Amino acid sequence: MENVFEITVGYGHQLQPFEVKDSSNLKGVRSKFDVFRKGLLVLTVEPDGDYLRTCKNPGGLDKETINQVIDKIEAHYL
């Protein structure tokens, strides 16, 4: 089962839109999230206990952007 949703991170004129693909297994357990910008994979995160952790960062996103993306993904599921 896949679910795709959009998030926006940043501040002021530096807002960045991303698409997030939630790859859950058949039982609804979250396995990982792939994050895309303009159709290109820029980040992959996966659950690590109650939090999400970075698996891959092919887009070279800075730590602040990664933290904002993770916060938005976590908020989407609260």
N, C-alpha and C. Protein backbone atom coordinates (compact mmCIF):
# COMPACT_ATOMS: atom_id res chain seq x y z
N MET A 1 0.85 -1.18 0.00
CA MET A 1 0.00 0.00 0.00
C MET A 1 0.89 1.24 0.00
N GLU A 2 0.66 2.18 -0.91
CA GLU A 2 1.42 3.41 -0.98
C GLU A 2 0.51 4.60 -0.78
N ASN A 3 1.03 5.59 -0.11
CA ASN A 3 0.33 6.83 0.11
C ASN A 3 1.30 7.95 -0.23
N VAL A 4 0.90 8.90 -1.05
CA VAL A 4 1.75 10.02 -1.42
C VAL A 4 1.10 11.30 -0.92
N PHE A 5 1.90 12.15 -0.27
CA PHE A 5 1.38 13.43 0.20
C PHE A 5 2.47 14.49 0.03
N GLU A 6 2.05 15.75 0.07
CA GLU A 6 2.98 16.86 -0.12
C GLU A 6 3.23 17.57 1.20
N ILE A 7 4.46 18.07 1.37
CA ILE A 7 4.82 18.89 2.52
C ILE A 7 5.62 20.07 2.00
N THR A 8 5.67 21.12 2.81
CA THR A 8 6.49 22.29 2.51
C THR A 8 7.30 22.62 3.74
N VAL A 9 8.59 22.84 3.56
CA VAL A 9 9.46 23.19 4.68
C VAL A 9 10.25 24.45 4.32
N GLY A 10 10.82 25.08 5.34
CA GLY A 10 11.60 26.29 5.15
C GLY A 10 10.89 27.48 5.75
N TYR A 11 11.43 28.64 5.49
CA TYR A 11 10.90 29.87 6.05
C TYR A 11 10.87 30.97 4.99
N GLY A 12 9.85 31.79 5.05
CA GLY A 12 9.77 32.95 4.17
C GLY A 12 9.88 32.61 2.70
N HIS A 13 10.87 33.24 2.05
CA HIS A 13 11.07 33.05 0.61
C HIS A 13 11.82 31.77 0.29
N GLN A 14 12.23 31.02 1.32
CA GLN A 14 13.00 29.80 1.10
C GLN A 14 12.15 28.54 1.31
N LEU A 15 10.86 28.65 1.06
CA LEU A 15 9.98 27.48 1.19
C LEU A 15 10.29 26.47 0.09
N GLN A 16 10.34 25.20 0.48
CA GLN A 16 10.65 24.13 -0.46
C GLN A 16 9.54 23.08 -0.41
N PRO A 17 8.91 22.79 -1.54
CA PRO A 17 7.89 21.73 -1.58
C PRO A 17 8.55 20.37 -1.81
N PHE A 18 8.00 19.35 -1.17
CA PHE A 18 8.47 17.97 -1.33
C PHE A 18 7.26 17.06 -1.47
N GLU A 19 7.45 15.95 -2.15
CA GLU A 19 6.45 14.88 -2.20
C GLU A 19 7.01 13.73 -1.36
N VAL A 20 6.14 13.14 -0.54
CA VAL A 20 6.56 12.04 0.33
C VAL A 20 5.76 10.80 -0.05
N LYS A 21 6.46 9.72 -0.31
CA LYS A 21 5.82 8.43 -0.61
C LYS A 21 5.98 7.54 0.61
N ASP A 22 4.86 7.16 1.19
CA ASP A 22 4.83 6.28 2.36
C ASP A 22 4.69 4.85 1.85
N SER A 23 5.71 4.04 2.06
CA SER A 23 5.68 2.64 1.64
C SER A 23 5.38 1.77 2.85
N SER A 24 4.10 1.53 3.09
CA SER A 24 3.68 0.69 4.21
C SER A 24 3.45 -0.73 3.72
N ASN A 25 3.64 -1.69 4.61
CA ASN A 25 3.36 -3.06 4.21
C ASN A 25 1.86 -3.32 4.31
N LEU A 26 1.42 -4.52 4.01
CA LEU A 26 0.00 -4.84 3.97
C LEU A 26 -0.69 -4.68 5.33
N LYS A 27 0.05 -4.80 6.42
CA LYS A 27 -0.55 -4.66 7.74
C LYS A 27 -0.55 -3.21 8.21
N GLY A 28 -0.13 -2.29 7.35
CA GLY A 28 -0.12 -0.88 7.70
C GLY A 28 1.08 -0.44 8.51
N VAL A 29 2.06 -1.31 8.68
CA VAL A 29 3.26 -0.96 9.42
C VAL A 29 4.17 -0.14 8.50
N ARG A 30 4.57 1.02 8.94
CA ARG A 30 5.41 1.89 8.13
C ARG A 30 6.79 1.27 7.95
N SER A 31 7.25 1.16 6.73
CA SER A 31 8.57 0.60 6.50
C SER A 31 9.58 1.69 6.14
N LYS A 32 9.18 2.66 5.31
CA LYS A 32 10.07 3.77 4.99
C LYS A 32 9.30 4.85 4.26
N PHE A 33 9.92 6.00 4.20
CA PHE A 33 9.36 7.14 3.48
C PHE A 33 10.41 7.61 2.49
N ASP A 34 10.03 7.75 1.23
CA ASP A 34 10.89 8.30 0.20
C ASP A 34 10.43 9.73 -0.05
N VAL A 35 11.38 10.67 -0.04
CA VAL A 35 11.07 12.08 -0.20
C VAL A 35 11.64 12.56 -1.53
N PHE A 36 10.79 13.20 -2.32
CA PHE A 36 11.15 13.65 -3.67
C PHE A 36 11.00 15.16 -3.78
N ARG A 37 11.86 15.76 -4.62
CA ARG A 37 11.73 17.18 -4.98
C ARG A 37 11.83 17.23 -6.49
N LYS A 38 10.80 17.76 -7.11
CA LYS A 38 10.74 17.86 -8.57
C LYS A 38 10.94 16.50 -9.23
N GLY A 39 10.38 15.45 -8.61
CA GLY A 39 10.43 14.11 -9.17
C GLY A 39 11.70 13.33 -8.88
N LEU A 40 12.69 13.93 -8.22
CA LEU A 40 13.94 13.26 -7.93
C LEU A 40 14.00 12.87 -6.45
N LEU A 41 14.46 11.65 -6.17
CA LEU A 41 14.61 11.19 -4.79
C LEU A 41 15.71 11.99 -4.11
N VAL A 42 15.37 12.64 -2.97
CA VAL A 42 16.35 13.44 -2.25
C VAL A 42 16.62 12.94 -0.84
N LEU A 43 15.72 12.08 -0.30
CA LEU A 43 15.89 11.63 1.08
C LEU A 43 15.06 10.38 1.30
N THR A 44 15.59 9.45 2.08
CA THR A 44 14.84 8.27 2.52
C THR A 44 14.98 8.19 4.03
N VAL A 45 13.83 8.05 4.72
CA VAL A 45 13.84 7.90 6.17
C VAL A 45 13.03 6.67 6.54
N GLU A 46 13.34 6.11 7.71
CA GLU A 46 12.61 4.94 8.17
C GLU A 46 12.40 5.03 9.67
N PRO A 47 11.39 4.31 10.19
CA PRO A 47 11.14 4.31 11.62
C PRO A 47 12.30 3.70 12.39
N ASP A 48 12.59 4.31 13.53
CA ASP A 48 13.59 3.80 14.46
C ASP A 48 12.98 3.98 15.84
N GLY A 49 12.20 2.99 16.29
CA GLY A 49 11.44 3.14 17.52
C GLY A 49 10.29 4.11 17.29
N ASP A 50 10.22 5.14 18.12
CA ASP A 50 9.14 6.13 18.01
C ASP A 50 9.50 7.29 17.09
N TYR A 51 10.67 7.25 16.49
CA TYR A 51 11.15 8.36 15.68
C TYR A 51 11.52 7.88 14.28
N LEU A 52 11.80 8.85 13.41
CA LEU A 52 12.28 8.54 12.07
C LEU A 52 13.77 8.87 12.00
N ARG A 53 14.51 8.07 11.24
CA ARG A 53 15.93 8.35 11.05
C ARG A 53 16.25 8.35 9.57
N THR A 54 17.29 9.06 9.21
CA THR A 54 17.73 9.16 7.82
C THR A 54 18.42 7.88 7.38
N CYS A 55 18.01 7.35 6.25
CA CYS A 55 18.68 6.18 5.65
C CYS A 55 19.63 6.64 4.55
N LYS A 56 19.09 7.44 3.63
CA LYS A 56 19.87 7.92 2.49
C LYS A 56 19.57 9.39 2.27
N ASN A 57 20.57 10.13 1.82
CA ASN A 57 20.40 11.54 1.54
C ASN A 57 21.04 11.87 0.18
N PRO A 58 20.51 11.28 -0.90
CA PRO A 58 21.11 11.51 -2.21
C PRO A 58 20.98 12.95 -2.69
N GLY A 59 20.05 13.71 -2.09
CA GLY A 59 19.87 15.11 -2.48
C GLY A 59 20.80 16.06 -1.75
N GLY A 60 21.58 15.54 -0.80
CA GLY A 60 22.51 16.38 -0.06
C GLY A 60 21.82 17.44 0.78
N LEU A 61 20.64 17.11 1.33
CA LEU A 61 19.91 18.07 2.15
C LEU A 61 20.66 18.36 3.44
N ASP A 62 20.60 19.62 3.89
CA ASP A 62 21.26 19.99 5.13
C ASP A 62 20.45 19.47 6.32
N LYS A 63 21.10 19.44 7.48
CA LYS A 63 20.49 18.85 8.68
C LYS A 63 19.19 19.55 9.07
N GLU A 64 19.14 20.86 8.97
CA GLU A 64 17.93 21.62 9.33
C GLU A 64 16.76 21.22 8.43
N THR A 65 17.00 21.11 7.13
CA THR A 65 15.94 20.72 6.19
C THR A 65 15.48 19.30 6.49
N ILE A 66 16.43 18.39 6.74
CA ILE A 66 16.07 17.01 7.07
C ILE A 66 15.19 16.97 8.32
N ASN A 67 15.57 17.72 9.35
CA ASN A 67 14.78 17.75 10.59
C ASN A 67 13.38 18.28 10.35
N GLN A 68 13.25 19.32 9.50
CA GLN A 68 11.93 19.86 9.18
C GLN A 68 11.09 18.84 8.42
N VAL A 69 11.71 18.15 7.46
CA VAL A 69 11.00 17.12 6.70
C VAL A 69 10.50 16.02 7.64
N ILE A 70 11.38 15.54 8.51
CA ILE A 70 10.99 14.49 9.45
C ILE A 70 9.88 14.96 10.36
N ASP A 71 9.96 16.20 10.87
CA ASP A 71 8.90 16.74 11.73
C ASP A 71 7.55 16.77 11.00
N LYS A 72 7.58 17.18 9.74
CA LYS A 72 6.33 17.24 8.94
C LYS A 72 5.76 15.84 8.70
N ILE A 73 6.63 14.88 8.41
CA ILE A 73 6.14 13.50 8.19
C ILE A 73 5.54 12.97 9.48
N GLU A 74 6.22 13.16 10.61
CA GLU A 74 5.69 12.68 11.90
C GLU A 74 4.37 13.36 12.23
N ALA A 75 4.25 14.67 11.96
CA ALA A 75 3.01 15.39 12.23
C ALA A 75 1.87 14.90 11.35
N HIS A 76 2.19 14.47 10.15
CA HIS A 76 1.16 13.97 9.23
C HIS A 76 0.47 12.72 9.78
N TYR A 77 1.17 11.98 10.62
CA TYR A 77 0.62 10.72 11.14
C TYR A 77 0.18 10.78 12.59
N LEU A 78 0.19 11.97 13.22
CA LEU A 78 -0.30 12.08 14.61
C LEU A 78 -1.78 12.24 14.65
